Protein backbone atom coordinates (compact mmCIF):
# COMPACT_ATOMS: atom_id res chain seq x y z
CA UNK A 1 0.00 0.00 0.00
CA UNK A 2 2.98 2.31 0.43
CA UNK A 3 2.19 2.85 4.11
CA UNK A 4 5.21 3.70 6.27
CA UNK A 5 5.30 2.04 9.71
CA UNK A 6 7.76 3.45 12.24
CA UNK A 7 8.34 1.90 15.69
CA UNK A 8 8.50 4.51 18.47
CA UNK A 9 8.56 4.81 22.24
CA UNK A 10 5.82 6.90 23.77
CA UNK A 11 4.15 7.59 27.12
CA UNK A 12 0.53 7.53 28.23
CA UNK A 13 -1.46 10.73 28.71
CA UNK A 14 -0.30 11.05 32.33
CA UNK A 15 3.36 10.65 31.38
CA UNK A 16 3.65 7.73 33.81
CA UNK A 17 3.83 4.66 31.58
CA UNK A 18 6.21 4.24 28.64
CA UNK A 19 5.36 1.77 25.91
CA UNK A 20 6.19 0.70 22.39
CA UNK A 21 3.99 1.76 19.53
CA UNK A 22 4.05 2.45 15.83
CA UNK A 23 3.16 5.61 13.98
CA UNK A 24 1.81 5.38 10.45
CA UNK A 25 2.07 7.54 7.35
CA UNK A 26 0.09 7.09 4.16
CA UNK A 27 1.58 10.17 2.45
CA UNK A 28 5.27 9.23 2.22
CA UNK A 29 6.10 10.65 5.65
CA UNK A 30 4.60 14.10 5.29
CA UNK A 31 2.19 13.44 8.18
CA UNK A 32 2.07 10.75 10.85
CA UNK A 33 -0.70 9.16 12.89
CA UNK A 34 -0.96 9.19 16.64
CA UNK A 35 0.78 6.17 18.27
CA UNK A 36 -0.77 2.70 17.94
CA UNK A 37 0.39 0.78 21.06
CA UNK A 38 1.95 -2.68 21.13
CA UNK A 39 1.79 -4.89 24.22
CA UNK A 40 -0.08 -2.62 26.64
CA UNK A 41 -1.65 -5.67 28.33
CA UNK A 42 1.73 -7.36 28.84
CA UNK A 43 2.15 -5.98 32.36
CA UNK A 44 5.70 -4.87 31.62
CA UNK A 45 7.48 -2.49 29.29
CA UNK A 46 7.75 -3.74 25.73
CA UNK A 47 10.39 -1.83 23.77
CA UNK A 48 13.14 -1.87 21.14
CA UNK A 49 10.69 -2.92 18.46
CA UNK A 50 11.39 -3.90 14.87
CA UNK A 51 8.80 -4.72 12.20
CA UNK A 52 8.68 -7.17 9.29
CA UNK A 53 5.88 -7.39 6.71
CA UNK A 54 5.04 -10.97 5.74
CA UNK A 55 4.05 -11.93 2.19
CA UNK A 56 0.38 -12.09 3.28
CA UNK A 57 0.55 -8.45 4.50
CA UNK A 58 0.56 -9.29 8.21
CA UNK A 59 2.99 -7.13 10.17
CA UNK A 60 5.19 -8.90 12.71
CA UNK A 61 6.58 -6.81 15.57
CA UNK A 62 9.40 -8.25 17.70
CA UNK A 63 10.31 -6.59 20.98
CA UNK A 64 12.77 -7.10 23.83
CA UNK A 65 13.65 -8.22 26.65
CA UNK A 66 12.31 -11.69 26.91
CA UNK A 67 11.66 -11.51 23.20
CA UNK A 68 8.00 -11.29 22.28
CA UNK A 69 6.05 -11.03 19.07
CA UNK A 70 2.83 -9.26 18.15
CA UNK A 71 0.95 -9.20 14.85
CA UNK A 72 -1.18 -6.68 13.01
CA UNK A 73 -3.52 -7.62 10.17
CA UNK A 74 -4.66 -4.04 9.50
CA UNK A 75 -1.44 -2.29 8.56
CA UNK A 76 -0.34 -1.44 12.11
CA UNK A 77 -3.49 0.12 13.57
CA UNK A 78 -4.23 -2.75 15.97
CA UNK A 79 -1.85 -5.34 17.45
CA UNK A 80 -2.41 -8.77 18.95
CA UNK A 81 -1.48 -9.53 22.54
CA UNK A 82 2.23 -10.23 22.76
CA UNK A 83 3.41 -13.83 22.80
CA UNK A 84 6.82 -15.22 23.84
CA UNK A 85 9.34 -16.12 21.16
CA UNK A 86 11.20 -18.42 23.56
CA UNK A 87 14.49 -16.59 24.04
CA UNK A 88 16.02 -13.49 25.58
CA UNK A 89 17.44 -10.69 23.47
CA UNK A 90 17.77 -6.93 23.24
CA UNK A 91 17.51 -4.47 20.35
CA UNK A 92 16.25 -6.82 17.60
CA UNK A 93 16.89 -6.06 13.94
CA UNK A 94 15.04 -8.03 11.25
CA UNK A 95 16.21 -8.72 7.70
CA UNK A 96 14.83 -11.07 5.07
CA UNK A 97 17.73 -12.53 3.10
CA UNK A 98 17.70 -13.12 -0.65
CA UNK A 99 17.54 -16.84 0.20
CA UNK A 100 14.25 -16.41 2.11
CA UNK A 101 15.66 -16.66 5.64
CA UNK A 102 14.42 -14.07 8.12
CA UNK A 103 17.33 -13.06 10.36
CA UNK A 104 16.96 -11.40 13.75
CA UNK A 105 20.22 -9.87 14.95
CA UNK A 106 20.25 -8.89 18.63
CA UNK A 107 22.27 -8.28 21.75
CA UNK A 108 22.22 -10.93 24.53
CA UNK A 109 23.73 -13.35 24.65
CA UNK A 110 26.67 -11.23 23.43
CA UNK A 111 25.95 -10.35 19.78
CA UNK A 112 23.79 -13.13 18.33
CA UNK A 113 21.11 -13.94 15.85
CA UNK A 114 18.11 -16.18 15.49
CA UNK A 115 16.66 -17.19 12.14
CA UNK A 116 13.32 -18.25 10.72
CA UNK A 117 12.40 -20.01 7.49
CA UNK A 118 8.65 -19.36 7.99
CA UNK A 119 8.58 -15.54 8.19
CA UNK A 120 9.00 -15.38 11.94
CA UNK A 121 6.35 -17.89 12.99
CA UNK A 122 9.08 -20.07 14.53
CA UNK A 123 12.70 -19.29 15.37
CA UNK A 124 15.96 -21.26 15.41
CA UNK A 125 19.23 -20.34 17.12
CA UNK A 126 20.91 -18.74 18.97
CA UNK A 127 23.90 -18.29 16.67
CA UNK A 128 26.78 -16.36 18.22
CA UNK A 129 28.06 -13.57 15.94
CA UNK A 130 30.64 -12.10 18.33
CA UNK A 131 31.66 -12.36 21.99
CA UNK A 132 31.32 -8.59 22.44
CA UNK A 133 28.12 -7.30 23.98
CA UNK A 134 26.75 -4.00 22.79
CA UNK A 135 25.33 -4.74 19.42
CA UNK A 136 22.35 -2.73 18.18
CA UNK A 137 22.99 -4.64 14.97
CA UNK A 138 22.02 -3.49 11.50
CA UNK A 139 22.11 -5.78 8.48
CA UNK A 140 21.96 -5.41 4.71
CA UNK A 141 21.82 -7.89 1.84
CA UNK A 142 24.88 -7.72 -0.41
CA UNK A 143 24.99 -8.43 -4.15
CA UNK A 144 26.85 -11.72 -3.64
CA UNK A 145 23.97 -13.11 -1.51
CA UNK A 146 25.73 -12.63 1.81
CA UNK A 147 24.61 -10.31 4.62
CA UNK A 148 26.73 -7.59 6.20
CA UNK A 149 26.01 -7.17 9.92
CA UNK A 150 27.37 -4.01 11.59
CA UNK A 151 27.25 -3.50 15.37
CA UNK A 152 29.25 -1.82 18.12
CA UNK A 153 31.20 -2.79 21.21
CA UNK A 154 29.77 -1.48 24.47
CA UNK A 155 31.85 0.41 27.02
CA UNK A 156 34.89 2.68 27.06
CA UNK A 157 36.85 2.84 23.82
CA UNK A 158 34.08 1.02 21.97
CA UNK A 159 34.48 0.35 18.28
CA UNK A 160 32.25 -0.43 15.33
CA UNK A 161 32.51 -4.06 14.25
CA UNK A 162 31.21 -5.94 11.22
CA UNK A 163 30.82 -9.53 10.11
CA UNK A 164 29.76 -11.10 6.83
CA UNK A 165 27.06 -13.78 7.20
CA UNK A 166 25.68 -16.43 4.84
CA UNK A 167 22.19 -17.77 5.57
CA UNK A 168 21.33 -20.72 3.35
CA UNK A 169 17.99 -22.57 3.32
CA UNK A 170 18.38 -26.32 3.72
C-alpha atoms as a PDB file:
ATOM      1  CA  UNK A   1       0.000   0.000   0.000  1.00  0.00           C
ATOM      2  CA  UNK A   2       2.983   2.305   0.425  1.00  0.00           C
ATOM      3  CA  UNK A   3       2.195   2.855   4.115  1.00  0.00           C
ATOM      4  CA  UNK A   4       5.207   3.697   6.272  1.00  0.00           C
ATOM      5  CA  UNK A   5       5.296   2.036   9.706  1.00  0.00           C
ATOM      6  CA  UNK A   6       7.762   3.452  12.244  1.00  0.00           C
ATOM      7  CA  UNK A   7       8.338   1.897  15.691  1.00  0.00           C
ATOM      8  CA  UNK A   8       8.503   4.511  18.471  1.00  0.00           C
ATOM      9  CA  UNK A   9       8.556   4.807  22.239  1.00  0.00           C
ATOM     10  CA  UNK A  10       5.818   6.898  23.769  1.00  0.00           C
ATOM     11  CA  UNK A  11       4.149   7.588  27.118  1.00  0.00           C
ATOM     12  CA  UNK A  12       0.533   7.529  28.227  1.00  0.00           C
ATOM     13  CA  UNK A  13      -1.462  10.733  28.708  1.00  0.00           C
ATOM     14  CA  UNK A  14      -0.297  11.049  32.333  1.00  0.00           C
ATOM     15  CA  UNK A  15       3.358  10.647  31.377  1.00  0.00           C
ATOM     16  CA  UNK A  16       3.649   7.732  33.806  1.00  0.00           C
ATOM     17  CA  UNK A  17       3.831   4.656  31.581  1.00  0.00           C
ATOM     18  CA  UNK A  18       6.207   4.236  28.645  1.00  0.00           C
ATOM     19  CA  UNK A  19       5.358   1.771  25.914  1.00  0.00           C
ATOM     20  CA  UNK A  20       6.192   0.699  22.393  1.00  0.00           C
ATOM     21  CA  UNK A  21       3.993   1.760  19.525  1.00  0.00           C
ATOM     22  CA  UNK A  22       4.047   2.453  15.826  1.00  0.00           C
ATOM     23  CA  UNK A  23       3.155   5.613  13.984  1.00  0.00           C
ATOM     24  CA  UNK A  24       1.810   5.379  10.446  1.00  0.00           C
ATOM     25  CA  UNK A  25       2.068   7.542   7.348  1.00  0.00           C
ATOM     26  CA  UNK A  26       0.087   7.095   4.162  1.00  0.00           C
ATOM     27  CA  UNK A  27       1.581  10.174   2.448  1.00  0.00           C
ATOM     28  CA  UNK A  28       5.268   9.226   2.218  1.00  0.00           C
ATOM     29  CA  UNK A  29       6.096  10.647   5.651  1.00  0.00           C
ATOM     30  CA  UNK A  30       4.596  14.102   5.288  1.00  0.00           C
ATOM     31  CA  UNK A  31       2.188  13.441   8.177  1.00  0.00           C
ATOM     32  CA  UNK A  32       2.071  10.748  10.850  1.00  0.00           C
ATOM     33  CA  UNK A  33      -0.705   9.156  12.890  1.00  0.00           C
ATOM     34  CA  UNK A  34      -0.955   9.188  16.645  1.00  0.00           C
ATOM     35  CA  UNK A  35       0.780   6.165  18.268  1.00  0.00           C
ATOM     36  CA  UNK A  36      -0.775   2.700  17.939  1.00  0.00           C
ATOM     37  CA  UNK A  37       0.385   0.780  21.065  1.00  0.00           C
ATOM     38  CA  UNK A  38       1.952  -2.679  21.127  1.00  0.00           C
ATOM     39  CA  UNK A  39       1.792  -4.886  24.225  1.00  0.00           C
ATOM     40  CA  UNK A  40      -0.079  -2.617  26.640  1.00  0.00           C
ATOM     41  CA  UNK A  41      -1.647  -5.666  28.331  1.00  0.00           C
ATOM     42  CA  UNK A  42       1.732  -7.356  28.835  1.00  0.00           C
ATOM     43  CA  UNK A  43       2.147  -5.982  32.356  1.00  0.00           C
ATOM     44  CA  UNK A  44       5.705  -4.868  31.617  1.00  0.00           C
ATOM     45  CA  UNK A  45       7.484  -2.489  29.287  1.00  0.00           C
ATOM     46  CA  UNK A  46       7.746  -3.741  25.728  1.00  0.00           C
ATOM     47  CA  UNK A  47      10.393  -1.834  23.773  1.00  0.00           C
ATOM     48  CA  UNK A  48      13.142  -1.871  21.144  1.00  0.00           C
ATOM     49  CA  UNK A  49      10.693  -2.922  18.458  1.00  0.00           C
ATOM     50  CA  UNK A  50      11.394  -3.896  14.872  1.00  0.00           C
ATOM     51  CA  UNK A  51       8.803  -4.715  12.205  1.00  0.00           C
ATOM     52  CA  UNK A  52       8.675  -7.169   9.293  1.00  0.00           C
ATOM     53  CA  UNK A  53       5.878  -7.385   6.708  1.00  0.00           C
ATOM     54  CA  UNK A  54       5.037 -10.967   5.738  1.00  0.00           C
ATOM     55  CA  UNK A  55       4.052 -11.929   2.195  1.00  0.00           C
ATOM     56  CA  UNK A  56       0.384 -12.086   3.280  1.00  0.00           C
ATOM     57  CA  UNK A  57       0.551  -8.452   4.503  1.00  0.00           C
ATOM     58  CA  UNK A  58       0.563  -9.292   8.212  1.00  0.00           C
ATOM     59  CA  UNK A  59       2.992  -7.129  10.169  1.00  0.00           C
ATOM     60  CA  UNK A  60       5.193  -8.902  12.707  1.00  0.00           C
ATOM     61  CA  UNK A  61       6.583  -6.811  15.568  1.00  0.00           C
ATOM     62  CA  UNK A  62       9.396  -8.250  17.698  1.00  0.00           C
ATOM     63  CA  UNK A  63      10.311  -6.593  20.976  1.00  0.00           C
ATOM     64  CA  UNK A  64      12.773  -7.104  23.833  1.00  0.00           C
ATOM     65  CA  UNK A  65      13.647  -8.225  26.647  1.00  0.00           C
ATOM     66  CA  UNK A  66      12.307 -11.685  26.909  1.00  0.00           C
ATOM     67  CA  UNK A  67      11.659 -11.506  23.199  1.00  0.00           C
ATOM     68  CA  UNK A  68       8.002 -11.290  22.279  1.00  0.00           C
ATOM     69  CA  UNK A  69       6.051 -11.028  19.068  1.00  0.00           C
ATOM     70  CA  UNK A  70       2.827  -9.263  18.145  1.00  0.00           C
ATOM     71  CA  UNK A  71       0.946  -9.196  14.852  1.00  0.00           C
ATOM     72  CA  UNK A  72      -1.176  -6.675  13.006  1.00  0.00           C
ATOM     73  CA  UNK A  73      -3.515  -7.623  10.172  1.00  0.00           C
ATOM     74  CA  UNK A  74      -4.665  -4.044   9.498  1.00  0.00           C
ATOM     75  CA  UNK A  75      -1.443  -2.288   8.564  1.00  0.00           C
ATOM     76  CA  UNK A  76      -0.341  -1.441  12.115  1.00  0.00           C
ATOM     77  CA  UNK A  77      -3.486   0.122  13.573  1.00  0.00           C
ATOM     78  CA  UNK A  78      -4.227  -2.750  15.972  1.00  0.00           C
ATOM     79  CA  UNK A  79      -1.849  -5.336  17.448  1.00  0.00           C
ATOM     80  CA  UNK A  80      -2.415  -8.774  18.953  1.00  0.00           C
ATOM     81  CA  UNK A  81      -1.484  -9.525  22.536  1.00  0.00           C
ATOM     82  CA  UNK A  82       2.227 -10.226  22.764  1.00  0.00           C
ATOM     83  CA  UNK A  83       3.412 -13.831  22.802  1.00  0.00           C
ATOM     84  CA  UNK A  84       6.818 -15.216  23.844  1.00  0.00           C
ATOM     85  CA  UNK A  85       9.338 -16.122  21.165  1.00  0.00           C
ATOM     86  CA  UNK A  86      11.196 -18.418  23.559  1.00  0.00           C
ATOM     87  CA  UNK A  87      14.489 -16.591  24.036  1.00  0.00           C
ATOM     88  CA  UNK A  88      16.020 -13.487  25.576  1.00  0.00           C
ATOM     89  CA  UNK A  89      17.440 -10.688  23.474  1.00  0.00           C
ATOM     90  CA  UNK A  90      17.768  -6.927  23.238  1.00  0.00           C
ATOM     91  CA  UNK A  91      17.511  -4.469  20.346  1.00  0.00           C
ATOM     92  CA  UNK A  92      16.252  -6.815  17.601  1.00  0.00           C
ATOM     93  CA  UNK A  93      16.893  -6.059  13.945  1.00  0.00           C
ATOM     94  CA  UNK A  94      15.036  -8.027  11.247  1.00  0.00           C
ATOM     95  CA  UNK A  95      16.205  -8.720   7.701  1.00  0.00           C
ATOM     96  CA  UNK A  96      14.826 -11.068   5.065  1.00  0.00           C
ATOM     97  CA  UNK A  97      17.731 -12.528   3.096  1.00  0.00           C
ATOM     98  CA  UNK A  98      17.704 -13.118  -0.650  1.00  0.00           C
ATOM     99  CA  UNK A  99      17.544 -16.842   0.198  1.00  0.00           C
ATOM    100  CA  UNK A 100      14.252 -16.405   2.109  1.00  0.00           C
ATOM    101  CA  UNK A 101      15.656 -16.664   5.641  1.00  0.00           C
ATOM    102  CA  UNK A 102      14.423 -14.070   8.120  1.00  0.00           C
ATOM    103  CA  UNK A 103      17.325 -13.056  10.361  1.00  0.00           C
ATOM    104  CA  UNK A 104      16.961 -11.399  13.750  1.00  0.00           C
ATOM    105  CA  UNK A 105      20.222  -9.869  14.946  1.00  0.00           C
ATOM    106  CA  UNK A 106      20.253  -8.889  18.626  1.00  0.00           C
ATOM    107  CA  UNK A 107      22.273  -8.280  21.753  1.00  0.00           C
ATOM    108  CA  UNK A 108      22.216 -10.931  24.525  1.00  0.00           C
ATOM    109  CA  UNK A 109      23.729 -13.346  24.645  1.00  0.00           C
ATOM    110  CA  UNK A 110      26.670 -11.229  23.429  1.00  0.00           C
ATOM    111  CA  UNK A 111      25.954 -10.352  19.783  1.00  0.00           C
ATOM    112  CA  UNK A 112      23.787 -13.128  18.333  1.00  0.00           C
ATOM    113  CA  UNK A 113      21.106 -13.938  15.846  1.00  0.00           C
ATOM    114  CA  UNK A 114      18.109 -16.181  15.488  1.00  0.00           C
ATOM    115  CA  UNK A 115      16.664 -17.185  12.142  1.00  0.00           C
ATOM    116  CA  UNK A 116      13.320 -18.252  10.722  1.00  0.00           C
ATOM    117  CA  UNK A 117      12.395 -20.006   7.489  1.00  0.00           C
ATOM    118  CA  UNK A 118       8.650 -19.356   7.985  1.00  0.00           C
ATOM    119  CA  UNK A 119       8.577 -15.539   8.186  1.00  0.00           C
ATOM    120  CA  UNK A 120       8.996 -15.382  11.940  1.00  0.00           C
ATOM    121  CA  UNK A 121       6.348 -17.890  12.985  1.00  0.00           C
ATOM    122  CA  UNK A 122       9.077 -20.072  14.534  1.00  0.00           C
ATOM    123  CA  UNK A 123      12.701 -19.289  15.366  1.00  0.00           C
ATOM    124  CA  UNK A 124      15.960 -21.262  15.407  1.00  0.00           C
ATOM    125  CA  UNK A 125      19.227 -20.343  17.123  1.00  0.00           C
ATOM    126  CA  UNK A 126      20.914 -18.741  18.972  1.00  0.00           C
ATOM    127  CA  UNK A 127      23.901 -18.288  16.671  1.00  0.00           C
ATOM    128  CA  UNK A 128      26.783 -16.355  18.217  1.00  0.00           C
ATOM    129  CA  UNK A 129      28.064 -13.568  15.942  1.00  0.00           C
ATOM    130  CA  UNK A 130      30.639 -12.101  18.333  1.00  0.00           C
ATOM    131  CA  UNK A 131      31.662 -12.355  21.990  1.00  0.00           C
ATOM    132  CA  UNK A 132      31.316  -8.587  22.442  1.00  0.00           C
ATOM    133  CA  UNK A 133      28.119  -7.295  23.979  1.00  0.00           C
ATOM    134  CA  UNK A 134      26.754  -4.001  22.792  1.00  0.00           C
ATOM    135  CA  UNK A 135      25.332  -4.742  19.424  1.00  0.00           C
ATOM    136  CA  UNK A 136      22.352  -2.726  18.181  1.00  0.00           C
ATOM    137  CA  UNK A 137      22.993  -4.636  14.966  1.00  0.00           C
ATOM    138  CA  UNK A 138      22.018  -3.487  11.503  1.00  0.00           C
ATOM    139  CA  UNK A 139      22.107  -5.780   8.478  1.00  0.00           C
ATOM    140  CA  UNK A 140      21.963  -5.413   4.715  1.00  0.00           C
ATOM    141  CA  UNK A 141      21.820  -7.895   1.840  1.00  0.00           C
ATOM    142  CA  UNK A 142      24.879  -7.718  -0.406  1.00  0.00           C
ATOM    143  CA  UNK A 143      24.987  -8.426  -4.149  1.00  0.00           C
ATOM    144  CA  UNK A 144      26.851 -11.718  -3.637  1.00  0.00           C
ATOM    145  CA  UNK A 145      23.973 -13.111  -1.511  1.00  0.00           C
ATOM    146  CA  UNK A 146      25.734 -12.634   1.812  1.00  0.00           C
ATOM    147  CA  UNK A 147      24.611 -10.312   4.625  1.00  0.00           C
ATOM    148  CA  UNK A 148      26.733  -7.593   6.196  1.00  0.00           C
ATOM    149  CA  UNK A 149      26.012  -7.168   9.915  1.00  0.00           C
ATOM    150  CA  UNK A 150      27.369  -4.015  11.591  1.00  0.00           C
ATOM    151  CA  UNK A 151      27.252  -3.501  15.375  1.00  0.00           C
ATOM    152  CA  UNK A 152      29.252  -1.820  18.122  1.00  0.00           C
ATOM    153  CA  UNK A 153      31.201  -2.794  21.213  1.00  0.00           C
ATOM    154  CA  UNK A 154      29.768  -1.482  24.469  1.00  0.00           C
ATOM    155  CA  UNK A 155      31.847   0.414  27.019  1.00  0.00           C
ATOM    156  CA  UNK A 156      34.893   2.679  27.056  1.00  0.00           C
ATOM    157  CA  UNK A 157      36.848   2.840  23.815  1.00  0.00           C
ATOM    158  CA  UNK A 158      34.078   1.019  21.968  1.00  0.00           C
ATOM    159  CA  UNK A 159      34.484   0.346  18.282  1.00  0.00           C
ATOM    160  CA  UNK A 160      32.255  -0.429  15.327  1.00  0.00           C
ATOM    161  CA  UNK A 161      32.510  -4.056  14.253  1.00  0.00           C
ATOM    162  CA  UNK A 162      31.213  -5.940  11.224  1.00  0.00           C
ATOM    163  CA  UNK A 163      30.819  -9.530  10.110  1.00  0.00           C
ATOM    164  CA  UNK A 164      29.762 -11.099   6.830  1.00  0.00           C
ATOM    165  CA  UNK A 165      27.062 -13.784   7.196  1.00  0.00           C
ATOM    166  CA  UNK A 166      25.675 -16.431   4.842  1.00  0.00           C
ATOM    167  CA  UNK A 167      22.193 -17.771   5.570  1.00  0.00           C
ATOM    168  CA  UNK A 168      21.328 -20.719   3.350  1.00  0.00           C
ATOM    169  CA  UNK A 169      17.994 -22.575   3.325  1.00  0.00           C
ATOM    170  CA  UNK A 170      18.381 -26.315   3.718  1.00  0.00           C
END
